[in-house]
Amino acid sequence: MEAVRDCYNGYKTGNLIRYNPWSSVSCINKAGRFDLYWINTGNNDLIKQLILSSNDSIKGQIEQLMQGAALTASIDKHLAFDLLDRSKTALWSLLLFADYLTWEKSSLSRSSDLYD
């Protein structure tokens, strides 16, 4: 298990730590051979485009995250791909749901569609 933790670096969701399921199952199916199985499951063009087209404030927040800082953001639990470029919560929601971000705590806002 320590090798799995080291190789597939768990995603933290509140107090739970999850590991990349695709990589974990692929490792088991390959008799315990560790590899970057997830890398060929898709690309990051959508995320890249959203970041490149974001405003300076969002880019600054991304830089802070990359330096290890925490961020408070609203997350839309009903993320719609056709609204990604028009929603203030879309980038953060997408990054969270794609496991690029983790959350430490959440609270349901007055609008039942947003978590803060």
N, C-alpha and C. Protein backbone atom coordinates (compact mmCIF):
# COMPACT_ATOMS: atom_id res chain seq x y z
N MET A 1 0.82 -1.20 0.00
CA MET A 1 0.00 0.00 0.00
C MET A 1 0.86 1.26 0.00
N GLU A 2 2.01 1.21 0.63
CA GLU A 2 2.87 2.40 0.65
C GLU A 2 3.33 2.75 -0.77
N ALA A 3 3.64 1.73 -1.57
CA ALA A 3 4.05 1.98 -2.95
C ALA A 3 2.90 2.58 -3.76
N VAL A 4 1.67 2.11 -3.51
CA VAL A 4 0.50 2.67 -4.19
C VAL A 4 0.35 4.13 -3.81
N ARG A 5 0.46 4.44 -2.52
CA ARG A 5 0.36 5.83 -2.06
C ARG A 5 1.43 6.70 -2.71
N ASP A 6 2.63 6.19 -2.77
CA ASP A 6 3.73 6.97 -3.37
C ASP A 6 3.53 7.19 -4.86
N CYS A 7 3.06 6.18 -5.56
CA CYS A 7 2.93 6.27 -7.02
C CYS A 7 1.68 7.01 -7.46
N TYR A 8 0.55 6.75 -6.79
CA TYR A 8 -0.72 7.29 -7.25
C TYR A 8 -1.25 8.40 -6.35
N ASN A 9 -0.45 8.90 -5.44
CA ASN A 9 -0.69 10.09 -4.65
C ASN A 9 -2.17 10.41 -4.50
N GLY A 10 -2.76 10.01 -3.42
CA GLY A 10 -4.19 10.13 -3.21
C GLY A 10 -4.75 11.53 -3.32
N TYR A 11 -6.01 11.61 -3.71
CA TYR A 11 -6.75 12.86 -3.77
C TYR A 11 -7.45 13.04 -2.43
N LYS A 12 -7.31 14.18 -1.82
CA LYS A 12 -7.94 14.43 -0.54
C LYS A 12 -9.31 15.06 -0.78
N THR A 13 -10.33 14.46 -0.20
CA THR A 13 -11.69 14.98 -0.25
C THR A 13 -12.18 15.04 1.17
N GLY A 14 -12.14 16.21 1.77
CA GLY A 14 -12.46 16.31 3.18
C GLY A 14 -11.45 15.51 3.98
N ASN A 15 -11.91 14.56 4.76
CA ASN A 15 -11.01 13.71 5.55
C ASN A 15 -10.68 12.40 4.85
N LEU A 16 -11.24 12.18 3.68
CA LEU A 16 -11.01 10.94 2.94
C LEU A 16 -9.89 11.10 1.93
N ILE A 17 -9.11 10.05 1.75
CA ILE A 17 -8.09 10.06 0.71
C ILE A 17 -8.47 8.98 -0.30
N ARG A 18 -8.57 9.42 -1.56
CA ARG A 18 -8.92 8.50 -2.65
C ARG A 18 -7.73 8.42 -3.59
N TYR A 19 -7.61 7.31 -4.27
CA TYR A 19 -6.53 7.11 -5.23
C TYR A 19 -7.12 6.94 -6.61
N ASN A 20 -6.35 7.30 -7.61
CA ASN A 20 -6.81 7.22 -8.98
C ASN A 20 -7.31 5.80 -9.26
N PRO A 21 -8.63 5.63 -9.46
CA PRO A 21 -9.16 4.27 -9.64
C PRO A 21 -8.67 3.59 -10.91
N TRP A 22 -8.53 4.35 -11.98
CA TRP A 22 -8.07 3.74 -13.24
C TRP A 22 -6.66 3.19 -13.08
N SER A 23 -5.78 3.99 -12.50
CA SER A 23 -4.40 3.54 -12.31
C SER A 23 -4.32 2.38 -11.33
N SER A 24 -5.10 2.43 -10.25
CA SER A 24 -5.07 1.36 -9.25
C SER A 24 -5.51 0.03 -9.85
N VAL A 25 -6.64 0.04 -10.56
CA VAL A 25 -7.14 -1.19 -11.17
C VAL A 25 -6.19 -1.68 -12.26
N SER A 26 -5.66 -0.77 -13.06
CA SER A 26 -4.72 -1.16 -14.11
C SER A 26 -3.46 -1.78 -13.52
N CYS A 27 -2.99 -1.24 -12.41
CA CYS A 27 -1.83 -1.79 -11.72
C CYS A 27 -2.10 -3.22 -11.26
N ILE A 28 -3.27 -3.44 -10.69
CA ILE A 28 -3.64 -4.78 -10.23
C ILE A 28 -3.73 -5.74 -11.43
N ASN A 29 -4.35 -5.27 -12.53
CA ASN A 29 -4.49 -6.12 -13.72
C ASN A 29 -3.15 -6.44 -14.38
N LYS A 30 -2.14 -5.62 -14.13
CA LYS A 30 -0.81 -5.84 -14.71
C LYS A 30 0.13 -6.46 -13.67
N ALA A 31 -0.44 -7.27 -12.79
CA ALA A 31 0.32 -8.02 -11.77
C ALA A 31 1.15 -7.10 -10.88
N GLY A 32 0.61 -5.93 -10.56
CA GLY A 32 1.29 -5.02 -9.64
C GLY A 32 2.34 -4.14 -10.27
N ARG A 33 2.35 -4.04 -11.59
CA ARG A 33 3.33 -3.18 -12.27
C ARG A 33 2.84 -1.74 -12.25
N PHE A 34 3.63 -0.85 -11.63
CA PHE A 34 3.27 0.56 -11.56
C PHE A 34 3.61 1.26 -12.86
N ASP A 35 2.71 2.11 -13.31
CA ASP A 35 2.92 2.88 -14.52
C ASP A 35 1.97 4.07 -14.48
N LEU A 36 2.08 4.97 -15.45
CA LEU A 36 1.20 6.13 -15.54
C LEU A 36 0.01 5.78 -16.43
N TYR A 37 -0.83 4.90 -15.97
CA TYR A 37 -1.96 4.40 -16.75
C TYR A 37 -2.95 5.49 -17.11
N TRP A 38 -3.16 6.42 -16.24
CA TRP A 38 -4.17 7.47 -16.45
C TRP A 38 -3.80 8.43 -17.56
N ILE A 39 -2.54 8.53 -17.90
CA ILE A 39 -2.07 9.57 -18.83
C ILE A 39 -2.67 9.43 -20.22
N ASN A 40 -3.04 8.23 -20.62
CA ASN A 40 -3.60 8.02 -21.96
C ASN A 40 -5.12 7.97 -21.96
N THR A 41 -5.77 8.36 -20.85
CA THR A 41 -7.23 8.29 -20.79
C THR A 41 -7.91 9.55 -21.31
N GLY A 42 -7.17 10.57 -21.62
CA GLY A 42 -7.76 11.81 -22.12
C GLY A 42 -6.71 12.91 -22.18
N ASN A 43 -7.15 14.09 -22.55
CA ASN A 43 -6.20 15.21 -22.57
C ASN A 43 -6.77 16.37 -21.76
N ASN A 44 -5.96 17.36 -21.58
CA ASN A 44 -6.33 18.51 -20.75
C ASN A 44 -6.62 19.76 -21.57
N ASP A 45 -6.96 19.60 -22.84
CA ASP A 45 -7.18 20.76 -23.70
C ASP A 45 -8.28 21.68 -23.19
N LEU A 46 -9.36 21.11 -22.68
CA LEU A 46 -10.46 21.92 -22.17
C LEU A 46 -10.01 22.76 -20.98
N ILE A 47 -9.32 22.14 -20.05
CA ILE A 47 -8.83 22.87 -18.87
C ILE A 47 -7.80 23.91 -19.29
N LYS A 48 -6.93 23.54 -20.19
CA LYS A 48 -5.91 24.48 -20.67
C LYS A 48 -6.56 25.71 -21.29
N GLN A 49 -7.56 25.50 -22.12
CA GLN A 49 -8.25 26.62 -22.77
C GLN A 49 -8.96 27.52 -21.76
N LEU A 50 -9.61 26.90 -20.77
CA LEU A 50 -10.29 27.70 -19.74
C LEU A 50 -9.31 28.55 -18.95
N ILE A 51 -8.15 27.98 -18.64
CA ILE A 51 -7.15 28.74 -17.88
C ILE A 51 -6.57 29.86 -18.74
N LEU A 52 -6.24 29.56 -19.99
CA LEU A 52 -5.66 30.58 -20.87
C LEU A 52 -6.62 31.73 -21.13
N SER A 53 -7.92 31.46 -21.16
CA SER A 53 -8.90 32.51 -21.44
C SER A 53 -9.43 33.18 -20.17
N SER A 54 -8.94 32.75 -19.01
CA SER A 54 -9.42 33.33 -17.75
C SER A 54 -8.81 34.70 -17.50
N ASN A 55 -9.41 35.42 -16.57
CA ASN A 55 -8.92 36.76 -16.25
C ASN A 55 -7.70 36.68 -15.33
N ASP A 56 -7.07 37.83 -15.10
CA ASP A 56 -5.85 37.87 -14.30
C ASP A 56 -6.09 37.42 -12.86
N SER A 57 -7.28 37.68 -12.33
CA SER A 57 -7.60 37.26 -10.97
C SER A 57 -7.57 35.74 -10.85
N ILE A 58 -8.19 35.05 -11.79
CA ILE A 58 -8.21 33.58 -11.79
C ILE A 58 -6.79 33.05 -11.96
N LYS A 59 -6.03 33.62 -12.87
CA LYS A 59 -4.66 33.17 -13.07
C LYS A 59 -3.83 33.36 -11.81
N GLY A 60 -4.07 34.46 -11.09
CA GLY A 60 -3.38 34.69 -9.83
C GLY A 60 -3.74 33.65 -8.79
N GLN A 61 -5.02 33.26 -8.74
CA GLN A 61 -5.46 32.23 -7.80
C GLN A 61 -4.84 30.88 -8.15
N ILE A 62 -4.71 30.60 -9.44
CA ILE A 62 -4.08 29.35 -9.86
C ILE A 62 -2.61 29.33 -9.44
N GLU A 63 -1.93 30.46 -9.59
CA GLU A 63 -0.54 30.55 -9.14
C GLU A 63 -0.43 30.31 -7.64
N GLN A 64 -1.37 30.85 -6.87
CA GLN A 64 -1.36 30.64 -5.42
C GLN A 64 -1.56 29.16 -5.09
N LEU A 65 -2.47 28.50 -5.80
CA LEU A 65 -2.68 27.07 -5.59
C LEU A 65 -1.41 26.28 -5.89
N MET A 66 -0.73 26.65 -6.96
CA MET A 66 0.49 25.95 -7.35
C MET A 66 1.60 26.14 -6.31
N GLN A 67 1.50 27.20 -5.52
CA GLN A 67 2.48 27.45 -4.46
C GLN A 67 2.05 26.83 -3.14
N GLY A 68 0.92 26.11 -3.15
CA GLY A 68 0.47 25.39 -1.96
C GLY A 68 -0.54 26.12 -1.11
N ALA A 69 -1.01 27.28 -1.55
CA ALA A 69 -2.01 28.03 -0.78
C ALA A 69 -3.39 27.41 -0.96
N ALA A 70 -4.26 27.70 -0.02
CA ALA A 70 -5.65 27.25 -0.11
C ALA A 70 -6.49 28.31 -0.82
N LEU A 71 -7.63 27.92 -1.30
CA LEU A 71 -8.52 28.81 -2.04
C LEU A 71 -9.95 28.55 -1.58
N THR A 72 -10.71 29.60 -1.41
CA THR A 72 -12.13 29.47 -1.13
C THR A 72 -12.87 29.81 -2.42
N ALA A 73 -13.70 28.88 -2.88
CA ALA A 73 -14.40 29.08 -4.15
C ALA A 73 -15.77 28.41 -4.08
N SER A 74 -16.69 28.94 -4.87
CA SER A 74 -18.00 28.31 -5.01
C SER A 74 -17.91 27.23 -6.08
N ILE A 75 -18.59 26.14 -5.84
CA ILE A 75 -18.59 25.00 -6.76
C ILE A 75 -20.03 24.74 -7.19
N ASP A 76 -20.23 24.61 -8.48
CA ASP A 76 -21.56 24.33 -9.02
C ASP A 76 -21.71 22.83 -9.21
N LYS A 77 -22.58 22.22 -8.44
CA LYS A 77 -22.75 20.76 -8.53
C LYS A 77 -23.44 20.34 -9.82
N HIS A 78 -23.99 21.31 -10.57
CA HIS A 78 -24.65 21.02 -11.85
C HIS A 78 -23.83 21.58 -13.00
N LEU A 79 -22.57 21.32 -13.02
CA LEU A 79 -21.66 21.82 -14.04
C LEU A 79 -22.13 21.37 -15.43
N ALA A 80 -22.24 22.32 -16.35
CA ALA A 80 -22.65 22.02 -17.72
C ALA A 80 -21.55 22.45 -18.68
N PHE A 81 -21.09 21.54 -19.50
CA PHE A 81 -19.97 21.84 -20.39
C PHE A 81 -20.27 22.97 -21.36
N ASP A 82 -21.52 23.12 -21.77
CA ASP A 82 -21.83 24.19 -22.72
C ASP A 82 -21.82 25.57 -22.07
N LEU A 83 -21.70 25.63 -20.75
CA LEU A 83 -21.66 26.91 -20.05
C LEU A 83 -20.29 27.20 -19.42
N LEU A 84 -19.31 26.40 -19.73
CA LEU A 84 -18.01 26.54 -19.09
C LEU A 84 -17.40 27.93 -19.26
N ASP A 85 -17.57 28.52 -20.41
CA ASP A 85 -16.95 29.82 -20.66
C ASP A 85 -17.80 30.99 -20.18
N ARG A 86 -18.97 30.70 -19.60
CA ARG A 86 -19.86 31.76 -19.14
C ARG A 86 -20.15 31.72 -17.64
N SER A 87 -19.57 30.80 -16.94
CA SER A 87 -19.86 30.63 -15.53
C SER A 87 -18.66 30.97 -14.67
N LYS A 88 -18.88 31.73 -13.60
CA LYS A 88 -17.79 32.09 -12.69
C LYS A 88 -17.29 30.89 -11.89
N THR A 89 -18.13 29.89 -11.72
CA THR A 89 -17.76 28.73 -10.92
C THR A 89 -17.25 27.56 -11.76
N ALA A 90 -17.34 27.67 -13.08
CA ALA A 90 -17.07 26.53 -13.95
C ALA A 90 -15.66 25.97 -13.82
N LEU A 91 -14.66 26.83 -13.86
CA LEU A 91 -13.28 26.33 -13.82
C LEU A 91 -13.02 25.59 -12.52
N TRP A 92 -13.41 26.19 -11.39
CA TRP A 92 -13.16 25.55 -10.10
C TRP A 92 -13.95 24.26 -9.97
N SER A 93 -15.18 24.25 -10.46
CA SER A 93 -16.01 23.05 -10.42
C SER A 93 -15.37 21.94 -11.25
N LEU A 94 -14.95 22.28 -12.45
CA LEU A 94 -14.32 21.30 -13.33
C LEU A 94 -13.04 20.74 -12.71
N LEU A 95 -12.20 21.61 -12.17
CA LEU A 95 -10.95 21.16 -11.56
C LEU A 95 -11.20 20.26 -10.34
N LEU A 96 -12.23 20.59 -9.57
CA LEU A 96 -12.56 19.75 -8.41
C LEU A 96 -13.11 18.40 -8.86
N PHE A 97 -14.07 18.40 -9.78
CA PHE A 97 -14.70 17.15 -10.22
C PHE A 97 -13.72 16.26 -10.99
N ALA A 98 -12.70 16.85 -11.61
CA ALA A 98 -11.70 16.08 -12.34
C ALA A 98 -10.53 15.67 -11.43
N ASP A 99 -10.65 15.96 -10.15
CA ASP A 99 -9.65 15.61 -9.13
C ASP A 99 -8.32 16.33 -9.28
N TYR A 100 -8.34 17.51 -9.89
CA TYR A 100 -7.14 18.34 -9.90
C TYR A 100 -7.07 19.16 -8.62
N LEU A 101 -8.21 19.38 -7.99
CA LEU A 101 -8.28 20.08 -6.72
C LEU A 101 -8.89 19.15 -5.69
N THR A 102 -8.62 19.43 -4.44
CA THR A 102 -9.27 18.72 -3.35
C THR A 102 -9.98 19.73 -2.47
N TRP A 103 -10.89 19.28 -1.65
CA TRP A 103 -11.57 20.20 -0.77
C TRP A 103 -11.35 19.79 0.67
N GLU A 104 -11.30 20.77 1.53
CA GLU A 104 -11.11 20.51 2.95
C GLU A 104 -12.42 20.59 3.71
N LYS A 105 -13.26 21.55 3.40
CA LYS A 105 -14.56 21.66 4.04
C LYS A 105 -15.51 22.32 3.07
N SER A 106 -16.79 22.09 3.29
CA SER A 106 -17.78 22.69 2.40
C SER A 106 -19.02 23.05 3.20
N SER A 107 -19.79 23.92 2.62
CA SER A 107 -21.09 24.26 3.19
C SER A 107 -22.04 24.55 2.04
N LEU A 108 -23.26 24.14 2.20
CA LEU A 108 -24.26 24.37 1.19
C LEU A 108 -24.75 25.80 1.31
N SER A 109 -24.74 26.52 0.20
CA SER A 109 -25.19 27.92 0.23
C SER A 109 -26.72 27.97 0.13
N ARG A 110 -27.25 29.15 0.18
CA ARG A 110 -28.72 29.32 0.07
C ARG A 110 -29.22 28.77 -1.25
N SER A 111 -28.43 28.95 -2.30
CA SER A 111 -28.79 28.37 -3.58
C SER A 111 -28.39 26.89 -3.51
N SER A 112 -29.32 25.99 -3.69
CA SER A 112 -29.02 24.56 -3.53
C SER A 112 -28.10 24.04 -4.61
N ASP A 113 -27.72 24.88 -5.57
CA ASP A 113 -26.85 24.41 -6.64
C ASP A 113 -25.38 24.71 -6.38
N LEU A 114 -25.06 25.51 -5.37
CA LEU A 114 -23.68 25.90 -5.13
C LEU A 114 -23.21 25.44 -3.77
N TYR A 115 -21.98 24.96 -3.74
CA TYR A 115 -21.29 24.65 -2.48
C TYR A 115 -20.20 25.69 -2.32
N ASP A 116 -20.03 26.20 -1.12
CA ASP A 116 -18.96 27.16 -0.83
C ASP A 116 -17.92 26.49 0.04
